[in-house]
Amino acid sequence: MSTCTEFAVFEVEEANLARVLALSESLFIEINAEQENIIAHEILVKTDNAEELCWHLTWVNIEAVEASSTKWSTYPSAAEIERLVGKKLYYGHFVGVIGK
């Protein structure tokens, strides 16, 4: 089964950035608590706008994404992330088409 890559880009006020970074790391741990769903992650900021944050997540497969999506409201860090994040600029999942 193929891994699934997620890109989520959203606005975060500079004053909230440190808290959102910490909550993001906590959220990834919460998602992986029962089983390993996210096998790699990066949290990035846009080079010309530090208030645009990007999650680059590698999931074990699309089924893990779907299962975690249905549990979103049960993750302890999710509500505060939702409150601190501004506009959601982009959210999408991708699977490989051509690989080495």
PDB file of N, CA and C in Angstrom:
ATOM      1  N   MET A   1       0.836  -1.176   0.000  1.00  0.00           N
ATOM      2  CA  MET A   1       0.000   0.000   0.000  1.00  0.00           C
ATOM      3  C   MET A   1       0.884   1.243   0.000  1.00  0.00           C
ATOM      4  N   SER A   2       0.499   2.237  -0.745  1.00  0.00           N
ATOM      5  CA  SER A   2       1.287   3.447  -0.928  1.00  0.00           C
ATOM      6  C   SER A   2       1.097   4.427   0.224  1.00  0.00           C
ATOM      7  N   THR A   3       2.182   5.117   0.569  1.00  0.00           N
ATOM      8  CA  THR A   3       2.069   6.176   1.568  1.00  0.00           C
ATOM      9  C   THR A   3       1.254   7.329   0.989  1.00  0.00           C
ATOM     10  N   CYS A   4       0.823   8.208   1.863  1.00  0.00           N
ATOM     11  CA  CYS A   4       0.035   9.374   1.472  1.00  0.00           C
ATOM     12  C   CYS A   4       0.716  10.609   2.055  1.00  0.00           C
ATOM     13  N   THR A   5       0.880  11.631   1.231  1.00  0.00           N
ATOM     14  CA  THR A   5       1.522  12.871   1.665  1.00  0.00           C
ATOM     15  C   THR A   5       0.469  13.958   1.825  1.00  0.00           C
ATOM     16  N   GLU A   6       0.517  14.642   2.940  1.00  0.00           N
ATOM     17  CA  GLU A   6      -0.418  15.732   3.218  1.00  0.00           C
ATOM     18  C   GLU A   6       0.336  17.050   3.262  1.00  0.00           C
ATOM     19  N   PHE A   7      -0.268  18.051   2.641  1.00  0.00           N
ATOM     20  CA  PHE A   7       0.194  19.428   2.766  1.00  0.00           C
ATOM     21  C   PHE A   7      -0.963  20.240   3.319  1.00  0.00           C
ATOM     22  N   ALA A   8      -0.731  20.927   4.414  1.00  0.00           N
ATOM     23  CA  ALA A   8      -1.729  21.812   5.004  1.00  0.00           C
ATOM     24  C   ALA A   8      -1.038  23.145   5.256  1.00  0.00           C
ATOM     25  N   VAL A   9      -1.580  24.193   4.672  1.00  0.00           N
ATOM     26  CA  VAL A   9      -0.984  25.526   4.797  1.00  0.00           C
ATOM     27  C   VAL A   9      -2.026  26.446   5.419  1.00  0.00           C
ATOM     28  N   PHE A  10      -1.624  27.159   6.455  1.00  0.00           N
ATOM     29  CA  PHE A  10      -2.551  28.061   7.116  1.00  0.00           C
ATOM     30  C   PHE A  10      -1.822  29.257   7.707  1.00  0.00           C
ATOM     31  N   GLU A  11      -2.602  30.288   7.969  1.00  0.00           N
ATOM     32  CA  GLU A  11      -2.058  31.499   8.574  1.00  0.00           C
ATOM     33  C   GLU A  11      -2.027  31.341  10.089  1.00  0.00           C
ATOM     34  N   VAL A  12      -0.942  31.795  10.686  1.00  0.00           N
ATOM     35  CA  VAL A  12      -0.806  31.794  12.141  1.00  0.00           C
ATOM     36  C   VAL A  12      -0.172  33.126  12.526  1.00  0.00           C
ATOM     37  N   GLU A  13      -0.842  33.872  13.379  1.00  0.00           N
ATOM     38  CA  GLU A  13      -0.260  35.132  13.837  1.00  0.00           C
ATOM     39  C   GLU A  13       1.058  34.853  14.543  1.00  0.00           C
ATOM     40  N   GLU A  14       2.003  35.741  14.351  1.00  0.00           N
ATOM     41  CA  GLU A  14       3.338  35.559  14.922  1.00  0.00           C
ATOM     42  C   GLU A  14       3.285  35.311  16.428  1.00  0.00           C
ATOM     43  N   ALA A  15       2.371  35.984  17.111  1.00  0.00           N
ATOM     44  CA  ALA A  15       2.239  35.825  18.561  1.00  0.00           C
ATOM     45  C   ALA A  15       1.810  34.410  18.951  1.00  0.00           C
ATOM     46  N   ASN A  16       1.171  33.688  18.030  1.00  0.00           N
ATOM     47  CA  ASN A  16       0.680  32.335  18.314  1.00  0.00           C
ATOM     48  C   ASN A  16       1.585  31.238  17.761  1.00  0.00           C
ATOM     49  N   LEU A  17       2.622  31.615  17.038  1.00  0.00           N
ATOM     50  CA  LEU A  17       3.433  30.641  16.317  1.00  0.00           C
ATOM     51  C   LEU A  17       4.062  29.585  17.235  1.00  0.00           C
ATOM     52  N   ALA A  18       4.700  29.992  18.301  1.00  0.00           N
ATOM     53  CA  ALA A  18       5.361  29.030  19.193  1.00  0.00           C
ATOM     54  C   ALA A  18       4.356  28.039  19.774  1.00  0.00           C
ATOM     55  N   ARG A  19       3.194  28.529  20.154  1.00  0.00           N
ATOM     56  CA  ARG A  19       2.166  27.645  20.728  1.00  0.00           C
ATOM     57  C   ARG A  19       1.642  26.674  19.676  1.00  0.00           C
ATOM     58  N   VAL A  20       1.406  27.149  18.461  1.00  0.00           N
ATOM     59  CA  VAL A  20       0.917  26.273  17.395  1.00  0.00           C
ATOM     60  C   VAL A  20       1.960  25.212  17.051  1.00  0.00           C
ATOM     61  N   LEU A  21       3.233  25.575  17.052  1.00  0.00           N
ATOM     62  CA  LEU A  21       4.289  24.586  16.806  1.00  0.00           C
ATOM     63  C   LEU A  21       4.264  23.492  17.871  1.00  0.00           C
ATOM     64  N   ALA A  22       4.173  23.880  19.132  1.00  0.00           N
ATOM     65  CA  ALA A  22       4.132  22.903  20.225  1.00  0.00           C
ATOM     66  C   ALA A  22       2.883  22.029  20.134  1.00  0.00           C
ATOM     67  N   LEU A  23       1.746  22.647  19.857  1.00  0.00           N
ATOM     68  CA  LEU A  23       0.499  21.889  19.724  1.00  0.00           C
ATOM     69  C   LEU A  23       0.544  20.936  18.538  1.00  0.00           C
ATOM     70  N   SER A  24       1.179  21.358  17.458  1.00  0.00           N
ATOM     71  CA  SER A  24       1.297  20.499  16.282  1.00  0.00           C
ATOM     72  C   SER A  24       2.064  19.232  16.630  1.00  0.00           C
ATOM     73  N   GLU A  25       3.186  19.388  17.312  1.00  0.00           N
ATOM     74  CA  GLU A  25       3.971  18.221  17.724  1.00  0.00           C
ATOM     75  C   GLU A  25       3.148  17.317  18.643  1.00  0.00           C
ATOM     76  N   SER A  26       2.400  17.921  19.561  1.00  0.00           N
ATOM     77  CA  SER A  26       1.536  17.133  20.449  1.00  0.00           C
ATOM     78  C   SER A  26       0.467  16.395  19.658  1.00  0.00           C
ATOM     79  N   LEU A  27      -0.123  17.077  18.695  1.00  0.00           N
ATOM     80  CA  LEU A  27      -1.164  16.458  17.873  1.00  0.00           C
ATOM     81  C   LEU A  27      -0.635  15.240  17.126  1.00  0.00           C
ATOM     82  N   PHE A  28       0.548  15.348  16.563  1.00  0.00           N
ATOM     83  CA  PHE A  28       1.108  14.217  15.822  1.00  0.00           C
ATOM     84  C   PHE A  28       1.333  13.021  16.752  1.00  0.00           C
ATOM     85  N   ILE A  29       1.740  13.281  17.977  1.00  0.00           N
ATOM     86  CA  ILE A  29       1.902  12.209  18.971  1.00  0.00           C
ATOM     87  C   ILE A  29       0.542  11.595  19.297  1.00  0.00           C
ATOM     88  N   GLU A  30      -0.474  12.434  19.463  1.00  0.00           N
ATOM     89  CA  GLU A  30      -1.825  11.951  19.754  1.00  0.00           C
ATOM     90  C   GLU A  30      -2.354  11.079  18.615  1.00  0.00           C
ATOM     91  N   ILE A  31      -2.124  11.501  17.388  1.00  0.00           N
ATOM     92  CA  ILE A  31      -2.576  10.731  16.224  1.00  0.00           C
ATOM     93  C   ILE A  31      -1.886   9.368  16.182  1.00  0.00           C
ATOM     94  N   ASN A  32      -0.634   9.316  16.615  1.00  0.00           N
ATOM     95  CA  ASN A  32       0.133   8.066  16.592  1.00  0.00           C
ATOM     96  C   ASN A  32       0.005   7.244  17.874  1.00  0.00           C
ATOM     97  N   ALA A  33      -0.810   7.686  18.820  1.00  0.00           N
ATOM     98  CA  ALA A  33      -0.879   7.018  20.125  1.00  0.00           C
ATOM     99  C   ALA A  33      -1.306   5.555  20.029  1.00  0.00           C
ATOM    100  N   GLU A  34      -2.305   5.260  19.229  1.00  0.00           N
ATOM    101  CA  GLU A  34      -2.812   3.888  19.130  1.00  0.00           C
ATOM    102  C   GLU A  34      -2.008   3.051  18.150  1.00  0.00           C
ATOM    103  N   GLN A  35      -1.571   3.668  17.077  1.00  0.00           N
ATOM    104  CA  GLN A  35      -0.728   3.000  16.083  1.00  0.00           C
ATOM    105  C   GLN A  35      -0.021   4.068  15.271  1.00  0.00           C
ATOM    106  N   GLU A  36       1.076   3.678  14.641  1.00  0.00           N
ATOM    107  CA  GLU A  36       1.834   4.654  13.857  1.00  0.00           C
ATOM    108  C   GLU A  36       1.085   4.969  12.569  1.00  0.00           C
ATOM    109  N   ASN A  37       0.562   6.179  12.488  1.00  0.00           N
ATOM    110  CA  ASN A  37      -0.154   6.653  11.306  1.00  0.00           C
ATOM    111  C   ASN A  37       0.687   7.633  10.502  1.00  0.00           C
ATOM    112  N   ILE A  38       1.335   8.549  11.212  1.00  0.00           N
ATOM    113  CA  ILE A  38       2.220   9.531  10.577  1.00  0.00           C
ATOM    114  C   ILE A  38       3.645   9.008  10.738  1.00  0.00           C
ATOM    115  N   ILE A  39       4.305   8.716   9.608  1.00  0.00           N
ATOM    116  CA  ILE A  39       5.645   8.125   9.690  1.00  0.00           C
ATOM    117  C   ILE A  39       6.763   9.153   9.528  1.00  0.00           C
ATOM    118  N   ALA A  40       6.414  10.351   9.084  1.00  0.00           N
ATOM    119  CA  ALA A  40       7.385  11.449   8.982  1.00  0.00           C
ATOM    120  C   ALA A  40       6.612  12.757   8.941  1.00  0.00           C
ATOM    121  N   HIS A  41       7.250  13.805   9.446  1.00  0.00           N
ATOM    122  CA  HIS A  41       6.603  15.119   9.362  1.00  0.00           C
ATOM    123  C   HIS A  41       7.640  16.236   9.372  1.00  0.00           C
ATOM    124  N   GLU A  42       7.234  17.339   8.772  1.00  0.00           N
ATOM    125  CA  GLU A  42       7.985  18.597   8.820  1.00  0.00           C
ATOM    126  C   GLU A  42       6.976  19.699   9.082  1.00  0.00           C
ATOM    127  N   ILE A  43       7.385  20.680   9.850  1.00  0.00           N
ATOM    128  CA  ILE A  43       6.597  21.895  10.013  1.00  0.00           C
ATOM    129  C   ILE A  43       7.442  23.006   9.416  1.00  0.00           C
ATOM    130  N   LEU A  44       6.898  23.680   8.431  1.00  0.00           N
ATOM    131  CA  LEU A  44       7.648  24.666   7.658  1.00  0.00           C
ATOM    132  C   LEU A  44       6.995  26.036   7.762  1.00  0.00           C
ATOM    133  N   VAL A  45       7.791  27.082   7.572  1.00  0.00           N
ATOM    134  CA  VAL A  45       7.247  28.432   7.420  1.00  0.00           C
ATOM    135  C   VAL A  45       7.637  28.934   6.037  1.00  0.00           C
ATOM    136  N   LYS A  46       6.782  29.742   5.480  1.00  0.00           N
ATOM    137  CA  LYS A  46       7.035  30.295   4.154  1.00  0.00           C
ATOM    138  C   LYS A  46       8.245  31.228   4.220  1.00  0.00           C
ATOM    139  N   THR A  47       9.082  31.168   3.212  1.00  0.00           N
ATOM    140  CA  THR A  47      10.331  31.941   3.227  1.00  0.00           C
ATOM    141  C   THR A  47      10.106  33.446   3.254  1.00  0.00           C
ATOM    142  N   ASP A  48       9.024  33.906   2.652  1.00  0.00           N
ATOM    143  CA  ASP A  48       8.791  35.352   2.617  1.00  0.00           C
ATOM    144  C   ASP A  48       7.617  35.801   3.489  1.00  0.00           C
ATOM    145  N   ASN A  49       7.089  34.877   4.318  1.00  0.00           N
ATOM    146  CA  ASN A  49       5.994  35.240   5.205  1.00  0.00           C
ATOM    147  C   ASN A  49       5.962  34.252   6.372  1.00  0.00           C
ATOM    148  N   ALA A  50       6.564  34.617   7.482  1.00  0.00           N
ATOM    149  CA  ALA A  50       6.671  33.724   8.642  1.00  0.00           C
ATOM    150  C   ALA A  50       5.325  33.423   9.289  1.00  0.00           C
ATOM    151  N   GLU A  51       4.262  34.097   8.844  1.00  0.00           N
ATOM    152  CA  GLU A  51       2.935  33.822   9.385  1.00  0.00           C
ATOM    153  C   GLU A  51       2.171  32.792   8.551  1.00  0.00           C
ATOM    154  N   GLU A  52       2.831  32.188   7.558  1.00  0.00           N
ATOM    155  CA  GLU A  52       2.240  31.075   6.815  1.00  0.00           C
ATOM    156  C   GLU A  52       2.986  29.813   7.206  1.00  0.00           C
ATOM    157  N   LEU A  53       2.259  28.897   7.794  1.00  0.00           N
ATOM    158  CA  LEU A  53       2.813  27.657   8.315  1.00  0.00           C
ATOM    159  C   LEU A  53       2.338  26.494   7.455  1.00  0.00           C
ATOM    160  N   CYS A  54       3.211  25.514   7.261  1.00  0.00           N
ATOM    161  CA  CYS A  54       2.868  24.351   6.450  1.00  0.00           C
ATOM    162  C   CYS A  54       3.186  23.073   7.216  1.00  0.00           C
ATOM    163  N   TRP A  55       2.218  22.175   7.258  1.00  0.00           N
ATOM    164  CA  TRP A  55       2.481  20.816   7.722  1.00  0.00           C
ATOM    165  C   TRP A  55       2.754  19.976   6.485  1.00  0.00           C
ATOM    166  N   HIS A  56       3.842  19.254   6.487  1.00  0.00           N
ATOM    167  CA  HIS A  56       4.161  18.277   5.438  1.00  0.00           C
ATOM    168  C   HIS A  56       4.234  16.937   6.158  1.00  0.00           C
ATOM    169  N   LEU A  57       3.177  16.144   6.020  1.00  0.00           N
ATOM    170  CA  LEU A  57       3.073  14.883   6.744  1.00  0.00           C
ATOM    171  C   LEU A  57       3.129  13.711   5.781  1.00  0.00           C
ATOM    172  N   THR A  58       3.796  12.650   6.191  1.00  0.00           N
ATOM    173  CA  THR A  58       3.763  11.401   5.440  1.00  0.00           C
ATOM    174  C   THR A  58       3.005  10.384   6.282  1.00  0.00           C
ATOM    175  N   TRP A  59       1.874   9.953   5.749  1.00  0.00           N
ATOM    176  CA  TRP A  59       1.009   8.971   6.407  1.00  0.00           C
ATOM    177  C   TRP A  59       1.321   7.580   5.864  1.00  0.00           C
ATOM    178  N   VAL A  60       1.053   6.553   6.662  1.00  0.00           N
ATOM    179  CA  VAL A  60       1.317   5.185   6.202  1.00  0.00           C
ATOM    180  C   VAL A  60       0.482   4.833   4.977  1.00  0.00           C
ATOM    181  N   ASN A  61      -0.738   5.369   4.895  1.00  0.00           N
ATOM    182  CA  ASN A  61      -1.616   5.152   3.742  1.00  0.00           C
ATOM    183  C   ASN A  61      -2.831   6.068   3.858  1.00  0.00           C
ATOM    184  N   ILE A  62      -3.643   6.090   2.822  1.00  0.00           N
ATOM    185  CA  ILE A  62      -4.824   6.963   2.807  1.00  0.00           C
ATOM    186  C   ILE A  62      -5.845   6.531   3.861  1.00  0.00           C
ATOM    187  N   GLU A  63      -5.896   5.246   4.164  1.00  0.00           N
ATOM    188  CA  GLU A  63      -6.827   4.761   5.185  1.00  0.00           C
ATOM    189  C   GLU A  63      -6.500   5.348   6.556  1.00  0.00           C
ATOM    190  N   ALA A  64      -5.225   5.524   6.850  1.00  0.00           N
ATOM    191  CA  ALA A  64      -4.822   6.143   8.119  1.00  0.00           C
ATOM    192  C   ALA A  64      -5.281   7.595   8.179  1.00  0.00           C
ATOM    193  N   VAL A  65      -5.200   8.283   7.047  1.00  0.00           N
ATOM    194  CA  VAL A  65      -5.683   9.673   6.975  1.00  0.00           C
ATOM    195  C   VAL A  65      -7.172   9.711   7.271  1.00  0.00           C
ATOM    196  N   GLU A  66      -7.918   8.850   6.591  1.00  0.00           N
ATOM    197  CA  GLU A  66      -9.374   8.835   6.752  1.00  0.00           C
ATOM    198  C   GLU A  66      -9.776   8.486   8.183  1.00  0.00           C
ATOM    199  N   ALA A  67      -9.118   7.499   8.773  1.00  0.00           N
ATOM    200  CA  ALA A  67      -9.432   7.109  10.150  1.00  0.00           C
ATOM    201  C   ALA A  67      -9.133   8.246  11.126  1.00  0.00           C
ATOM    202  N   SER A  68      -8.008   8.909  10.944  1.00  0.00           N
ATOM    203  CA  SER A  68      -7.644  10.019  11.827  1.00  0.00           C
ATOM    204  C   SER A  68      -8.573  11.212  11.643  1.00  0.00           C
ATOM    205  N   SER A  69      -9.032  11.424  10.425  1.00  0.00           N
ATOM    206  CA  SER A  69      -9.957  12.536  10.158  1.00  0.00           C
ATOM    207  C   SER A  69     -11.250  12.372  10.945  1.00  0.00           C
ATOM    208  N   THR A  70     -11.733  11.142  11.042  1.00  0.00           N
ATOM    209  CA  THR A  70     -12.981  10.919  11.781  1.00  0.00           C
ATOM    210  C   THR A  70     -12.791  11.113  13.282  1.00  0.00           C
ATOM    211  N   LYS A  71     -11.553  11.032  13.758  1.00  0.00           N
ATOM    212  CA  LYS A  71     -11.254  11.193  15.183  1.00  0.00           C
ATOM    213  C   LYS A  71     -10.778  12.601  15.533  1.00  0.00           C
ATOM    214  N   TRP A  72     -10.711  13.510  14.552  1.00  0.00           N
ATOM    215  CA  TRP A  72     -10.111  14.834  14.751  1.00  0.00           C
ATOM    216  C   TRP A  72     -10.591  15.516  16.029  1.00  0.00           C
ATOM    217  N   SER A  73     -11.894  15.532  16.251  1.00  0.00           N
ATOM    218  CA  SER A  73     -12.437  16.259  17.404  1.00  0.00           C
ATOM    219  C   SER A  73     -12.085  15.604  18.739  1.00  0.00           C
ATOM    220  N   THR A  74     -11.584  14.372  18.723  1.00  0.00           N
ATOM    221  CA  THR A  74     -11.227  13.690  19.974  1.00  0.00           C
ATOM    222  C   THR A  74      -9.779  13.933  20.392  1.00  0.00           C
ATOM    223  N   TYR A  75      -8.972  14.470  19.504  1.00  0.00           N
ATOM    224  CA  TYR A  75      -7.573  14.719  19.852  1.00  0.00           C
ATOM    225  C   TYR A  75      -7.487  15.948  20.752  1.00  0.00           C
ATOM    226  N   PRO A  76      -6.847  15.835  21.915  1.00  0.00           N
ATOM    227  CA  PRO A  76      -6.804  16.946  22.866  1.00  0.00           C
ATOM    228  C   PRO A  76      -6.251  18.257  22.302  1.00  0.00           C
ATOM    229  N   SER A  77      -5.295  18.205  21.393  1.00  0.00           N
ATOM    230  CA  SER A  77      -4.676  19.429  20.866  1.00  0.00           C
ATOM    231  C   SER A  77      -5.465  20.080  19.732  1.00  0.00           C
ATOM    232  N   ALA A  78      -6.395  19.360  19.149  1.00  0.00           N
ATOM    233  CA  ALA A  78      -7.078  19.834  17.941  1.00  0.00           C
ATOM    234  C   ALA A  78      -7.868  21.126  18.152  1.00  0.00           C
ATOM    235  N   ALA A  79      -8.631  21.204  19.228  1.00  0.00           N
ATOM    236  CA  ALA A  79      -9.484  22.379  19.444  1.00  0.00           C
ATOM    237  C   ALA A  79      -8.660  23.656  19.585  1.00  0.00           C
ATOM    238  N   GLU A  80      -7.561  23.587  20.324  1.00  0.00           N
ATOM    239  CA  GLU A  80      -6.741  24.790  20.499  1.00  0.00           C
ATOM    240  C   GLU A  80      -6.037  25.171  19.203  1.00  0.00           C
ATOM    241  N   ILE A  81      -5.608  24.179  18.433  1.00  0.00           N
ATOM    242  CA  ILE A  81      -5.020  24.482  17.122  1.00  0.00           C
ATOM    243  C   ILE A  81      -6.042  25.216  16.266  1.00  0.00           C
ATOM    244  N   GLU A  82      -7.255  24.697  16.219  1.00  0.00           N
ATOM    245  CA  GLU A  82      -8.321  25.332  15.429  1.00  0.00           C
ATOM    246  C   GLU A  82      -8.543  26.776  15.873  1.00  0.00           C
ATOM    247  N   ARG A  83      -8.482  27.008  17.176  1.00  0.00           N
ATOM    248  CA  ARG A  83      -8.714  28.352  17.712  1.00  0.00           C
ATOM    249  C   ARG A  83      -7.583  29.316  17.357  1.00  0.00           C
ATOM    250  N   LEU A  84      -6.340  28.830  17.341  1.00  0.00           N
ATOM    251  CA  LEU A  84      -5.184  29.697  17.121  1.00  0.00           C
ATOM    252  C   LEU A  84      -4.835  29.915  15.655  1.00  0.00           C
ATOM    253  N   VAL A  85      -5.264  29.007  14.805  1.00  0.00           N
ATOM    254  CA  VAL A  85      -4.946  29.103  13.383  1.00  0.00           C
ATOM    255  C   VAL A  85      -5.931  30.057  12.719  1.00  0.00           C
ATOM    256  N   GLY A  86      -5.401  30.897  11.847  1.00  0.00           N
ATOM    257  CA  GLY A  86      -6.262  31.802  11.093  1.00  0.00           C
ATOM    258  C   GLY A  86      -6.821  31.104   9.867  1.00  0.00           C
ATOM    259  N   LYS A  87      -6.749  31.767   8.769  1.00  0.00           N
ATOM    260  CA  LYS A  87      -7.284  31.249   7.509  1.00  0.00           C
ATOM    261  C   LYS A  87      -6.536  29.992   7.065  1.00  0.00           C
ATOM    262  N   LYS A  88      -7.306  29.000   6.635  1.00  0.00           N
ATOM    263  CA  LYS A  88      -6.714  27.789   6.057  1.00  0.00           C
ATOM    264  C   LYS A  88      -6.519  28.050   4.569  1.00  0.00           C
ATOM    265  N   LEU A  89      -5.265  28.107   4.150  1.00  0.00           N
ATOM    266  CA  LEU A  89      -4.943  28.484   2.774  1.00  0.00           C
ATOM    267  C   LEU A  89      -4.965  27.307   1.812  1.00  0.00           C
ATOM    268  N   TYR A  90      -4.569  26.133   2.291  1.00  0.00           N
ATOM    269  CA  TYR A  90      -4.538  24.957   1.415  1.00  0.00           C
ATOM    270  C   TYR A  90      -4.516  23.702   2.263  1.00  0.00           C
ATOM    271  N   TYR A  91      -5.197  22.661   1.791  1.00  0.00           N
ATOM    272  CA  TYR A  91      -5.201  21.371   2.462  1.00  0.00           C
ATOM    273  C   TYR A  91      -5.403  20.306   1.406  1.00  0.00           C
ATOM    274  N   GLY A  92      -4.476  19.349   1.318  1.00  0.00           N
ATOM    275  CA  GLY A  92      -4.632  18.296   0.325  1.00  0.00           C
ATOM    276  C   GLY A  92      -3.775  17.087   0.619  1.00  0.00           C
ATOM    277  N   HIS A  93      -4.195  15.961   0.042  1.00  0.00           N
ATOM    278  CA  HIS A  93      -3.486  14.689   0.188  1.00  0.00           C
ATOM    279  C   HIS A  93      -3.080  14.184  -1.183  1.00  0.00           C
ATOM    280  N   PHE A  94      -1.893  13.595  -1.236  1.00  0.00           N
ATOM    281  CA  PHE A  94      -1.336  13.130  -2.505  1.00  0.00           C
ATOM    282  C   PHE A  94      -0.747  11.740  -2.328  1.00  0.00           C
ATOM    283  N   VAL A  95      -0.849  10.937  -3.385  1.00  0.00           N
ATOM    284  CA  VAL A  95      -0.177   9.638  -3.426  1.00  0.00           C
ATOM    285  C   VAL A  95       0.729   9.625  -4.642  1.00  0.00           C
ATOM    286  N   GLY A  96       1.751   8.800  -4.577  1.00  0.00           N
ATOM    287  CA  GLY A  96       2.732   8.744  -5.653  1.00  0.00           C
ATOM    288  C   GLY A  96       2.157   8.223  -6.962  1.00  0.00           C
ATOM    289  N   VAL A  97       2.648   8.786  -8.046  1.00  0.00           N
ATOM    290  CA  VAL A  97       2.289   8.338  -9.385  1.00  0.00           C
ATOM    291  C   VAL A  97       3.519   7.720 -10.044  1.00  0.00           C
ATOM    292  N   ILE A  98       4.632   8.406  -9.918  1.00  0.00           N
ATOM    293  CA  ILE A  98       5.904   7.930 -10.458  1.00  0.00           C
ATOM    294  C   ILE A  98       6.928   8.018  -9.338  1.00  0.00           C
ATOM    295  N   GLY A  99       7.671   6.973  -9.123  1.00  0.00           N
ATOM    296  CA  GLY A  99       8.686   6.985  -8.079  1.00  0.00           C
ATOM    297  C   GLY A  99       9.938   6.271  -8.531  1.00  0.00           C
ATOM    298  N   LYS A 100      10.992   6.501  -7.793  1.00  0.00           N
ATOM    299  CA  LYS A 100      12.267   5.847  -8.104  1.00  0.00           C
ATOM    300  C   LYS A 100      12.363   4.554  -7.340  1.00  0.00           C
TER     301      LYS A 100
END
